[in-house]
């Protein structure tokens, strides 16, 4: 089932992303907070324990994310991305941050960000993240 989700995401994402103009970090109109996130290491460099590369080409990088119950990922950055939740999860951003609850099968996309999630749930939180290379904005 996971491979099917990856293939569906790639079938949707690759043709669309190839047609979109790539944005540079110094492009006017991109908030400074987004460009500041580039100073942090990427997810795999920062945390190879929880983030593994499933697929990569010149347009996207597909990551598998597995964060055990009670575990935390160090602060890291992502370019614009789309994610597919494989399991239900409850993640807290930073210390004392808001808890985000997601359901298995949920799909969402977002602009470049930096974060350091902690799994505050009772089971492994697993997702597939498709990062768009050289993009700060998802749309």
C-alpha atoms as a PDB file:
ATOM      1  CA  UNK A   1       0.000   0.000   0.000  1.00  0.00           C
ATOM      2  CA  UNK A   2       2.830   2.415   0.823  1.00  0.00           C
ATOM      3  CA  UNK A   3       4.458   1.951  -2.572  1.00  0.00           C
ATOM      4  CA  UNK A   4       1.114   2.601  -4.220  1.00  0.00           C
ATOM      5  CA  UNK A   5       0.774   5.901  -2.322  1.00  0.00           C
ATOM      6  CA  UNK A   6       4.290   6.924  -3.341  1.00  0.00           C
ATOM      7  CA  UNK A   7       3.595   6.113  -6.985  1.00  0.00           C
ATOM      8  CA  UNK A   8       0.293   8.010  -6.933  1.00  0.00           C
ATOM      9  CA  UNK A   9       1.978  11.045  -5.339  1.00  0.00           C
ATOM     10  CA  UNK A  10       4.792  10.966  -7.888  1.00  0.00           C
ATOM     11  CA  UNK A  11       2.370  10.571 -10.790  1.00  0.00           C
ATOM     12  CA  UNK A  12       0.554  13.697  -9.614  1.00  0.00           C
ATOM     13  CA  UNK A  13       3.537  15.745  -8.457  1.00  0.00           C
ATOM     14  CA  UNK A  14       6.190  15.195 -11.111  1.00  0.00           C
ATOM     15  CA  UNK A  15       4.314  16.514 -14.165  1.00  0.00           C
ATOM     16  CA  UNK A  16       3.030  19.522 -12.224  1.00  0.00           C
ATOM     17  CA  UNK A  17       6.340  20.397 -10.593  1.00  0.00           C
ATOM     18  CA  UNK A  18       8.236  20.188 -13.864  1.00  0.00           C
ATOM     19  CA  UNK A  19       5.992  22.889 -15.322  1.00  0.00           C
ATOM     20  CA  UNK A  20       6.314  25.326 -12.421  1.00  0.00           C
ATOM     21  CA  UNK A  21       9.051  27.952 -12.383  1.00  0.00           C
ATOM     22  CA  UNK A  22      11.549  27.281  -9.619  1.00  0.00           C
ATOM     23  CA  UNK A  23      11.886  30.005  -7.028  1.00  0.00           C
ATOM     24  CA  UNK A  24      15.159  31.108  -5.466  1.00  0.00           C
ATOM     25  CA  UNK A  25      15.535  31.911  -1.795  1.00  0.00           C
ATOM     26  CA  UNK A  26      16.183  35.573  -2.596  1.00  0.00           C
ATOM     27  CA  UNK A  27      13.011  35.951  -4.669  1.00  0.00           C
ATOM     28  CA  UNK A  28      11.016  39.028  -3.613  1.00  0.00           C
ATOM     29  CA  UNK A  29       7.782  38.166  -1.825  1.00  0.00           C
ATOM     30  CA  UNK A  30       9.109  35.139   0.059  1.00  0.00           C
ATOM     31  CA  UNK A  31       8.989  35.844   3.807  1.00  0.00           C
ATOM     32  CA  UNK A  32      12.335  36.036   5.621  1.00  0.00           C
ATOM     33  CA  UNK A  33      11.288  33.206   7.967  1.00  0.00           C
ATOM     34  CA  UNK A  34      11.172  30.823   5.024  1.00  0.00           C
ATOM     35  CA  UNK A  35      14.582  31.766   3.721  1.00  0.00           C
ATOM     36  CA  UNK A  36      16.017  31.633   7.246  1.00  0.00           C
ATOM     37  CA  UNK A  37      15.005  27.953   7.408  1.00  0.00           C
ATOM     38  CA  UNK A  38      17.660  27.228   4.795  1.00  0.00           C
ATOM     39  CA  UNK A  39      20.347  27.830   7.425  1.00  0.00           C
ATOM     40  CA  UNK A  40      19.323  24.636   9.230  1.00  0.00           C
ATOM     41  CA  UNK A  41      20.428  21.263   7.842  1.00  0.00           C
ATOM     42  CA  UNK A  42      18.016  19.262   5.716  1.00  0.00           C
ATOM     43  CA  UNK A  43      16.049  16.446   7.384  1.00  0.00           C
ATOM     44  CA  UNK A  44      18.290  13.542   6.337  1.00  0.00           C
ATOM     45  CA  UNK A  45      21.520  15.337   7.269  1.00  0.00           C
ATOM     46  CA  UNK A  46      20.090  16.389  10.640  1.00  0.00           C
ATOM     47  CA  UNK A  47      18.386  13.106  11.470  1.00  0.00           C
ATOM     48  CA  UNK A  48      19.189   9.972   9.460  1.00  0.00           C
ATOM     49  CA  UNK A  49      17.612   7.862  12.225  1.00  0.00           C
ATOM     50  CA  UNK A  50      14.101   9.156  11.483  1.00  0.00           C
ATOM     51  CA  UNK A  51      14.366  10.355   7.846  1.00  0.00           C
ATOM     52  CA  UNK A  52      15.407   8.091   4.949  1.00  0.00           C
ATOM     53  CA  UNK A  53      15.512   8.789   1.216  1.00  0.00           C
ATOM     54  CA  UNK A  54      13.188   6.506  -0.769  1.00  0.00           C
ATOM     55  CA  UNK A  55      13.618   8.195  -4.161  1.00  0.00           C
ATOM     56  CA  UNK A  56      15.440  11.219  -5.555  1.00  0.00           C
ATOM     57  CA  UNK A  57      15.862  12.971  -8.896  1.00  0.00           C
ATOM     58  CA  UNK A  58      16.545  16.555  -9.998  1.00  0.00           C
ATOM     59  CA  UNK A  59      12.966  17.654  -9.214  1.00  0.00           C
ATOM     60  CA  UNK A  60      11.926  15.891  -5.993  1.00  0.00           C
ATOM     61  CA  UNK A  61      13.231  13.927  -3.052  1.00  0.00           C
ATOM     62  CA  UNK A  62      10.883  11.403  -1.415  1.00  0.00           C
ATOM     63  CA  UNK A  63      11.480  10.765   2.281  1.00  0.00           C
ATOM     64  CA  UNK A  64      10.119   8.120   4.609  1.00  0.00           C
ATOM     65  CA  UNK A  65       9.688   9.509   8.111  1.00  0.00           C
ATOM     66  CA  UNK A  66       9.387   7.208  11.147  1.00  0.00           C
ATOM     67  CA  UNK A  67       9.403   8.785  14.594  1.00  0.00           C
ATOM     68  CA  UNK A  68       8.826   6.454  17.532  1.00  0.00           C
ATOM     69  CA  UNK A  69       6.534   7.279  20.436  1.00  0.00           C
ATOM     70  CA  UNK A  70       8.265   9.797  22.697  1.00  0.00           C
ATOM     71  CA  UNK A  71      11.082  10.420  20.205  1.00  0.00           C
ATOM     72  CA  UNK A  72      12.040  13.834  18.842  1.00  0.00           C
ATOM     73  CA  UNK A  73      13.705  14.909  15.609  1.00  0.00           C
ATOM     74  CA  UNK A  74      16.296  17.704  15.831  1.00  0.00           C
ATOM     75  CA  UNK A  75      15.555  21.030  14.177  1.00  0.00           C
ATOM     76  CA  UNK A  76      15.894  20.839  10.394  1.00  0.00           C
ATOM     77  CA  UNK A  77      14.561  22.435   7.209  1.00  0.00           C
ATOM     78  CA  UNK A  78      12.383  21.285   4.307  1.00  0.00           C
ATOM     79  CA  UNK A  79      11.802  22.988   0.954  1.00  0.00           C
ATOM     80  CA  UNK A  80       8.187  23.149  -0.285  1.00  0.00           C
ATOM     81  CA  UNK A  81       6.630  19.714   0.198  1.00  0.00           C
ATOM     82  CA  UNK A  82       3.622  17.409   0.125  1.00  0.00           C
ATOM     83  CA  UNK A  83       3.127  14.654   2.704  1.00  0.00           C
ATOM     84  CA  UNK A  84       1.051  11.480   2.985  1.00  0.00           C
ATOM     85  CA  UNK A  85       0.400  10.227   6.497  1.00  0.00           C
ATOM     86  CA  UNK A  86       0.883   6.447   6.720  1.00  0.00           C
ATOM     87  CA  UNK A  87      -0.211   6.171  10.366  1.00  0.00           C
ATOM     88  CA  UNK A  88      -2.300   8.253  12.731  1.00  0.00           C
ATOM     89  CA  UNK A  89       0.015  10.625  14.579  1.00  0.00           C
ATOM     90  CA  UNK A  90       0.265  13.312  17.230  1.00  0.00           C
ATOM     91  CA  UNK A  91       3.307  15.568  16.801  1.00  0.00           C
ATOM     92  CA  UNK A  92       4.380  18.578  18.854  1.00  0.00           C
ATOM     93  CA  UNK A  93       6.498  21.267  17.203  1.00  0.00           C
ATOM     94  CA  UNK A  94       9.322  22.372  19.497  1.00  0.00           C
ATOM     95  CA  UNK A  95       9.074  22.467  23.276  1.00  0.00           C
ATOM     96  CA  UNK A  96       5.649  23.510  24.439  1.00  0.00           C
ATOM     97  CA  UNK A  97       4.370  23.947  20.888  1.00  0.00           C
ATOM     98  CA  UNK A  98       0.930  23.057  19.624  1.00  0.00           C
ATOM     99  CA  UNK A  99       0.134  19.371  19.012  1.00  0.00           C
ATOM    100  CA  UNK A 100      -0.859  18.483  15.448  1.00  0.00           C
ATOM    101  CA  UNK A 101      -3.025  15.379  15.026  1.00  0.00           C
ATOM    102  CA  UNK A 102      -3.137  13.619  11.657  1.00  0.00           C
ATOM    103  CA  UNK A 103      -4.993  10.573  10.360  1.00  0.00           C
ATOM    104  CA  UNK A 104      -3.569   7.793   8.188  1.00  0.00           C
ATOM    105  CA  UNK A 105      -4.162   8.607   4.514  1.00  0.00           C
ATOM    106  CA  UNK A 106      -4.302  12.362   5.083  1.00  0.00           C
ATOM    107  CA  UNK A 107      -2.468  14.353   2.391  1.00  0.00           C
ATOM    108  CA  UNK A 108      -1.293  17.927   2.759  1.00  0.00           C
ATOM    109  CA  UNK A 109       1.184  20.328   1.169  1.00  0.00           C
ATOM    110  CA  UNK A 110       3.080  23.315   2.496  1.00  0.00           C
ATOM    111  CA  UNK A 111       5.683  25.963   1.847  1.00  0.00           C
ATOM    112  CA  UNK A 112       9.295  25.633   2.995  1.00  0.00           C
ATOM    113  CA  UNK A 113       9.614  25.316   6.751  1.00  0.00           C
ATOM    114  CA  UNK A 114      11.918  24.473   9.589  1.00  0.00           C
ATOM    115  CA  UNK A 115      10.821  22.394  12.557  1.00  0.00           C
ATOM    116  CA  UNK A 116      11.785  19.788  15.113  1.00  0.00           C
ATOM    117  CA  UNK A 117       8.794  17.494  15.725  1.00  0.00           C
ATOM    118  CA  UNK A 118       8.298  15.311  18.816  1.00  0.00           C
ATOM    119  CA  UNK A 119       5.984  12.306  18.652  1.00  0.00           C
ATOM    120  CA  UNK A 120       3.679  12.715  21.653  1.00  0.00           C
ATOM    121  CA  UNK A 121       1.481   9.816  20.533  1.00  0.00           C
ATOM    122  CA  UNK A 122       1.575   6.207  21.734  1.00  0.00           C
ATOM    123  CA  UNK A 123       2.740   4.619  18.461  1.00  0.00           C
ATOM    124  CA  UNK A 124       5.216   5.195  15.636  1.00  0.00           C
ATOM    125  CA  UNK A 125       4.339   8.202  13.464  1.00  0.00           C
ATOM    126  CA  UNK A 126       5.095   7.342   9.818  1.00  0.00           C
ATOM    127  CA  UNK A 127       4.697   9.460   6.706  1.00  0.00           C
ATOM    128  CA  UNK A 128       5.990   9.925   3.177  1.00  0.00           C
ATOM    129  CA  UNK A 129       7.237  13.441   2.386  1.00  0.00           C
ATOM    130  CA  UNK A 130       7.801  14.622  -1.195  1.00  0.00           C
ATOM    131  CA  UNK A 131      10.170  17.606  -1.141  1.00  0.00           C
ATOM    132  CA  UNK A 132      10.281  19.893  -4.184  1.00  0.00           C
ATOM    133  CA  UNK A 133      13.885  20.808  -4.843  1.00  0.00           C
ATOM    134  CA  UNK A 134      14.755  24.500  -5.146  1.00  0.00           C
ATOM    135  CA  UNK A 135      11.238  25.566  -4.169  1.00  0.00           C
ATOM    136  CA  UNK A 136      10.175  27.707  -1.232  1.00  0.00           C
ATOM    137  CA  UNK A 137       6.464  27.724  -2.026  1.00  0.00           C
ATOM    138  CA  UNK A 138       4.140  24.782  -2.623  1.00  0.00           C
ATOM    139  CA  UNK A 139       1.874  26.766  -4.954  1.00  0.00           C
END
